[in-house]
Amino acid sequence: MTQLANRHATTAAPRATDDTAGVRLVLHSEEDLLAVRHAVRAASVTAGFGIIDQTRVVTAASELARNAYIHGGGGTLTIEYPRRGAGQGLRLTISDSGPGIPDLDAALADGFTTGAGLGHGLGGARRLMHDFEVHTGVGRGTTVIVTRWAGR
């Protein structure tokens, strides 16, 4: 994968343009991480996902929110419900104002960690979702946008 202008995108399809805004959560404490899991579980049910896809989305959200909390000093999660034709999706945007990711390709590799974790967070979230984008820059924070589509 290549890194161009501190932007990394791997998308399975173009982003939908007909978004219905959902909810925005602040990530500043361990309790907020639990709230993220509950809110994303409820959103995945609303989006019509089965239990397997619910688990995928909640796992990805949990990993990304934890990264924003630990490495970015906190941040926000926005949940949206995009549509693409007849397809319903669930889009999560996780943003922080932390130090950014100096080497995105390395950070996406399994086993890469800057902390005590197993190093599956960012790359694991990418595998669990259909669409995946990272916008980051040293000293500019990080925004990760992921989408999963129902019935795909």
C-alpha atoms as a PDB file:
ATOM      1  CA  MET A   1       0.000   0.000   0.000  1.00  0.00           C
ATOM      2  CA  THR A   2       1.169   3.466  -0.689  1.00  0.00           C
ATOM      3  CA  GLN A   3       0.952   6.519   1.456  1.00  0.00           C
ATOM      4  CA  LEU A   4       0.196   9.714  -0.470  1.00  0.00           C
ATOM      5  CA  ALA A   5       0.206  13.088   1.218  1.00  0.00           C
ATOM      6  CA  ASN A   6      -0.350  11.448   4.609  1.00  0.00           C
ATOM      7  CA  ARG A   7      -3.626   9.975   3.406  1.00  0.00           C
ATOM      8  CA  HIS A   8      -4.328   6.283   3.134  1.00  0.00           C
ATOM      9  CA  ALA A   9      -7.492   4.877   1.645  1.00  0.00           C
ATOM     10  CA  THR A  10      -8.650   1.375   0.903  1.00  0.00           C
ATOM     11  CA  THR A  11     -12.245   1.374  -0.260  1.00  0.00           C
ATOM     12  CA  ALA A  12     -14.329  -1.384  -1.722  1.00  0.00           C
ATOM     13  CA  ALA A  13     -16.751   1.051  -3.351  1.00  0.00           C
ATOM     14  CA  PRO A  14     -17.366   4.773  -3.626  1.00  0.00           C
ATOM     15  CA  ARG A  15     -18.827   6.468  -0.621  1.00  0.00           C
ATOM     16  CA  ALA A  16     -22.570   7.009  -0.625  1.00  0.00           C
ATOM     17  CA  THR A  17     -23.729  10.595  -0.811  1.00  0.00           C
ATOM     18  CA  ASP A  18     -27.118  10.192   0.862  1.00  0.00           C
ATOM     19  CA  ASP A  19     -26.105  10.083   4.534  1.00  0.00           C
ATOM     20  CA  THR A  20     -28.523  10.246   7.412  1.00  0.00           C
ATOM     21  CA  ALA A  21     -26.693  11.603  10.441  1.00  0.00           C
ATOM     22  CA  GLY A  22     -26.851   9.489  13.529  1.00  0.00           C
ATOM     23  CA  VAL A  23     -25.049  10.203  16.750  1.00  0.00           C
ATOM     24  CA  ARG A  24     -21.800  11.802  17.945  1.00  0.00           C
ATOM     25  CA  LEU A  25     -19.969  10.585  21.055  1.00  0.00           C
ATOM     26  CA  VAL A  26     -17.007  12.056  22.911  1.00  0.00           C
ATOM     27  CA  LEU A  27     -14.147   9.728  23.906  1.00  0.00           C
ATOM     28  CA  HIS A  28     -12.401  10.963  27.047  1.00  0.00           C
ATOM     29  CA  SER A  29     -12.645   8.102  29.547  1.00  0.00           C
ATOM     30  CA  GLU A  30     -12.789   4.326  29.907  1.00  0.00           C
ATOM     31  CA  GLU A  31     -16.549   4.673  30.435  1.00  0.00           C
ATOM     32  CA  ASP A  32     -16.812   6.415  27.056  1.00  0.00           C
ATOM     33  CA  LEU A  33     -15.251   3.347  25.420  1.00  0.00           C
ATOM     34  CA  LEU A  34     -18.055   1.218  26.867  1.00  0.00           C
ATOM     35  CA  ALA A  35     -20.622   3.758  25.649  1.00  0.00           C
ATOM     36  CA  VAL A  36     -19.112   3.445  22.151  1.00  0.00           C
ATOM     37  CA  ARG A  37     -19.604  -0.320  22.170  1.00  0.00           C
ATOM     38  CA  HIS A  38     -23.239   0.023  23.245  1.00  0.00           C
ATOM     39  CA  ALA A  39     -24.024   2.817  20.768  1.00  0.00           C
ATOM     40  CA  VAL A  40     -22.400   0.995  17.855  1.00  0.00           C
ATOM     41  CA  ARG A  41     -24.174  -2.268  18.739  1.00  0.00           C
ATOM     42  CA  ALA A  42     -27.516  -0.427  18.730  1.00  0.00           C
ATOM     43  CA  ALA A  43     -26.620   1.325  15.453  1.00  0.00           C
ATOM     44  CA  SER A  44     -25.686  -1.967  13.793  1.00  0.00           C
ATOM     45  CA  VAL A  45     -29.082  -3.387  14.764  1.00  0.00           C
ATOM     46  CA  THR A  46     -30.771  -0.255  13.366  1.00  0.00           C
ATOM     47  CA  ALA A  47     -28.791  -0.691  10.125  1.00  0.00           C
ATOM     48  CA  GLY A  48     -30.164  -4.227   9.807  1.00  0.00           C
ATOM     49  CA  PHE A  49     -26.980  -6.230  10.425  1.00  0.00           C
ATOM     50  CA  GLY A  50     -27.076  -9.833  11.582  1.00  0.00           C
ATOM     51  CA  ILE A  51     -25.223 -10.904  14.713  1.00  0.00           C
ATOM     52  CA  ILE A  52     -21.945 -11.708  12.881  1.00  0.00           C
ATOM     53  CA  ASP A  53     -21.778  -8.301  11.198  1.00  0.00           C
ATOM     54  CA  GLN A  54     -22.831  -6.601  14.439  1.00  0.00           C
ATOM     55  CA  THR A  55     -19.859  -8.232  16.132  1.00  0.00           C
ATOM     56  CA  ARG A  56     -17.505  -7.185  13.325  1.00  0.00           C
ATOM     57  CA  VAL A  57     -18.601  -3.557  13.505  1.00  0.00           C
ATOM     58  CA  VAL A  58     -18.528  -3.386  17.307  1.00  0.00           C
ATOM     59  CA  THR A  59     -15.059  -4.959  17.371  1.00  0.00           C
ATOM     60  CA  ALA A  60     -13.717  -2.495  14.786  1.00  0.00           C
ATOM     61  CA  ALA A  61     -15.299   0.454  16.619  1.00  0.00           C
ATOM     62  CA  SER A  62     -13.873  -0.695  19.930  1.00  0.00           C
ATOM     63  CA  GLU A  63     -10.347  -0.981  18.505  1.00  0.00           C
ATOM     64  CA  LEU A  64     -10.497   2.400  16.782  1.00  0.00           C
ATOM     65  CA  ALA A  65     -12.028   4.191  19.769  1.00  0.00           C
ATOM     66  CA  ARG A  66      -9.395   2.696  22.079  1.00  0.00           C
ATOM     67  CA  ASN A  67      -6.653   3.899  19.715  1.00  0.00           C
ATOM     68  CA  ALA A  68      -8.106   7.431  19.743  1.00  0.00           C
ATOM     69  CA  TYR A  69      -8.345   7.346  23.534  1.00  0.00           C
ATOM     70  CA  ILE A  70      -4.899   5.901  24.234  1.00  0.00           C
ATOM     71  CA  HIS A  71      -2.781   7.311  21.412  1.00  0.00           C
ATOM     72  CA  GLY A  72      -4.755  10.445  20.538  1.00  0.00           C
ATOM     73  CA  GLY A  73      -5.656  11.585  24.045  1.00  0.00           C
ATOM     74  CA  GLY A  74      -9.372  11.210  23.347  1.00  0.00           C
ATOM     75  CA  GLY A  75     -11.537  12.200  20.450  1.00  0.00           C
ATOM     76  CA  THR A  76     -14.949  11.783  18.914  1.00  0.00           C
ATOM     77  CA  LEU A  77     -16.979   9.083  17.188  1.00  0.00           C
ATOM     78  CA  THR A  78     -19.688   9.948  14.698  1.00  0.00           C
ATOM     79  CA  ILE A  79     -22.161   7.270  13.595  1.00  0.00           C
ATOM     80  CA  GLU A  80     -23.958   7.697  10.270  1.00  0.00           C
ATOM     81  CA  TYR A  81     -26.311   5.574   8.177  1.00  0.00           C
ATOM     82  CA  PRO A  82     -25.353   5.973   4.514  1.00  0.00           C
ATOM     83  CA  ARG A  83     -27.406   4.432   1.721  1.00  0.00           C
ATOM     84  CA  ARG A  84     -26.109   3.197  -1.601  1.00  0.00           C
ATOM     85  CA  GLY A  85     -28.953   2.322  -3.913  1.00  0.00           C
ATOM     86  CA  ALA A  86     -31.110  -0.038  -1.897  1.00  0.00           C
ATOM     87  CA  GLY A  87     -28.217  -0.886   0.437  1.00  0.00           C
ATOM     88  CA  GLN A  88     -28.027   0.328   4.018  1.00  0.00           C
ATOM     89  CA  GLY A  89     -24.662   0.948   5.640  1.00  0.00           C
ATOM     90  CA  LEU A  90     -23.138   2.018   8.894  1.00  0.00           C
ATOM     91  CA  ARG A  91     -20.282   4.542   8.816  1.00  0.00           C
ATOM     92  CA  LEU A  92     -18.103   5.335  11.801  1.00  0.00           C
ATOM     93  CA  THR A  93     -15.780   8.344  11.855  1.00  0.00           C
ATOM     94  CA  ILE A  94     -13.277   8.375  14.715  1.00  0.00           C
ATOM     95  CA  SER A  95     -11.164  11.520  15.076  1.00  0.00           C
ATOM     96  CA  ASP A  96      -8.530  12.670  17.532  1.00  0.00           C
ATOM     97  CA  SER A  97      -6.145  15.601  17.870  1.00  0.00           C
ATOM     98  CA  GLY A  98      -3.190  13.480  18.912  1.00  0.00           C
ATOM     99  CA  PRO A  99       0.311  13.296  17.459  1.00  0.00           C
ATOM    100  CA  GLY A 100      -0.766  11.583  14.225  1.00  0.00           C
ATOM    101  CA  ILE A 101       0.711   8.399  12.774  1.00  0.00           C
ATOM    102  CA  PRO A 102       4.252   8.905  11.430  1.00  0.00           C
ATOM    103  CA  ASP A 103       4.357   5.650   9.411  1.00  0.00           C
ATOM    104  CA  LEU A 104       0.867   4.584   8.406  1.00  0.00           C
ATOM    105  CA  ASP A 105       1.967   1.530   6.430  1.00  0.00           C
ATOM    106  CA  ALA A 106       3.796   0.181   9.488  1.00  0.00           C
ATOM    107  CA  ALA A 107       0.824   0.973  11.746  1.00  0.00           C
ATOM    108  CA  LEU A 108      -1.480  -1.048   9.467  1.00  0.00           C
ATOM    109  CA  ALA A 109       0.778  -4.116   9.635  1.00  0.00           C
ATOM    110  CA  ASP A 110      -0.215  -6.877  12.029  1.00  0.00           C
ATOM    111  CA  GLY A 111       1.924  -6.945  15.128  1.00  0.00           C
ATOM    112  CA  PHE A 112       2.821  -3.237  15.010  1.00  0.00           C
ATOM    113  CA  THR A 113       2.273  -1.594  18.366  1.00  0.00           C
ATOM    114  CA  THR A 114       3.498   1.451  20.211  1.00  0.00           C
ATOM    115  CA  GLY A 115       1.991   0.254  23.470  1.00  0.00           C
ATOM    116  CA  ALA A 116       1.190  -2.918  25.334  1.00  0.00           C
ATOM    117  CA  GLY A 117      -1.414  -4.165  22.827  1.00  0.00           C
ATOM    118  CA  LEU A 118      -1.162  -7.028  20.373  1.00  0.00           C
ATOM    119  CA  GLY A 119      -0.905  -4.730  17.358  1.00  0.00           C
ATOM    120  CA  HIS A 120      -4.080  -5.871  15.580  1.00  0.00           C
ATOM    121  CA  GLY A 121      -6.166  -2.696  16.103  1.00  0.00           C
ATOM    122  CA  LEU A 122      -5.846  -0.618  12.947  1.00  0.00           C
ATOM    123  CA  GLY A 123      -5.199  -3.493  10.528  1.00  0.00           C
ATOM    124  CA  GLY A 124      -7.848  -5.614  12.205  1.00  0.00           C
ATOM    125  CA  ALA A 125     -10.431  -2.854  11.899  1.00  0.00           C
ATOM    126  CA  ARG A 126      -9.560  -2.547   8.207  1.00  0.00           C
ATOM    127  CA  ARG A 127     -10.258  -6.256   7.667  1.00  0.00           C
ATOM    128  CA  LEU A 128     -13.575  -6.130   9.542  1.00  0.00           C
ATOM    129  CA  MET A 129     -15.085  -3.287   7.514  1.00  0.00           C
ATOM    130  CA  HIS A 130     -15.878  -2.942   3.799  1.00  0.00           C
ATOM    131  CA  ASP A 131     -14.560   0.611   3.330  1.00  0.00           C
ATOM    132  CA  PHE A 132     -11.577   2.015   5.235  1.00  0.00           C
ATOM    133  CA  GLU A 133      -9.830   5.394   5.159  1.00  0.00           C
ATOM    134  CA  VAL A 134      -7.184   6.965   7.371  1.00  0.00           C
ATOM    135  CA  HIS A 135      -6.335  10.660   7.287  1.00  0.00           C
ATOM    136  CA  THR A 136      -3.338  11.508   9.434  1.00  0.00           C
ATOM    137  CA  GLY A 137      -0.355  13.754   9.679  1.00  0.00           C
ATOM    138  CA  VAL A 138       2.357  14.171  12.259  1.00  0.00           C
ATOM    139  CA  GLY A 139       1.120  16.783  14.705  1.00  0.00           C
ATOM    140  CA  ARG A 140      -2.316  16.942  13.003  1.00  0.00           C
ATOM    141  CA  GLY A 141      -4.190  14.069  14.629  1.00  0.00           C
ATOM    142  CA  THR A 142      -5.875  11.127  12.983  1.00  0.00           C
ATOM    143  CA  THR A 143      -9.296  10.490  11.474  1.00  0.00           C
ATOM    144  CA  VAL A 144     -10.397   6.978  10.556  1.00  0.00           C
ATOM    145  CA  ILE A 145     -13.557   6.488   8.488  1.00  0.00           C
ATOM    146  CA  VAL A 146     -14.939   2.971   8.187  1.00  0.00           C
ATOM    147  CA  THR A 147     -18.140   1.673   6.609  1.00  0.00           C
ATOM    148  CA  ARG A 148     -19.813  -1.722   6.561  1.00  0.00           C
ATOM    149  CA  TRP A 149     -22.726  -2.455   4.228  1.00  0.00           C
ATOM    150  CA  ALA A 150     -25.659  -4.707   5.134  1.00  0.00           C
ATOM    151  CA  GLY A 151     -26.183  -7.754   2.967  1.00  0.00           C
ATOM    152  CA  ARG A 152     -22.711  -7.707   1.466  1.00  0.00           C
END
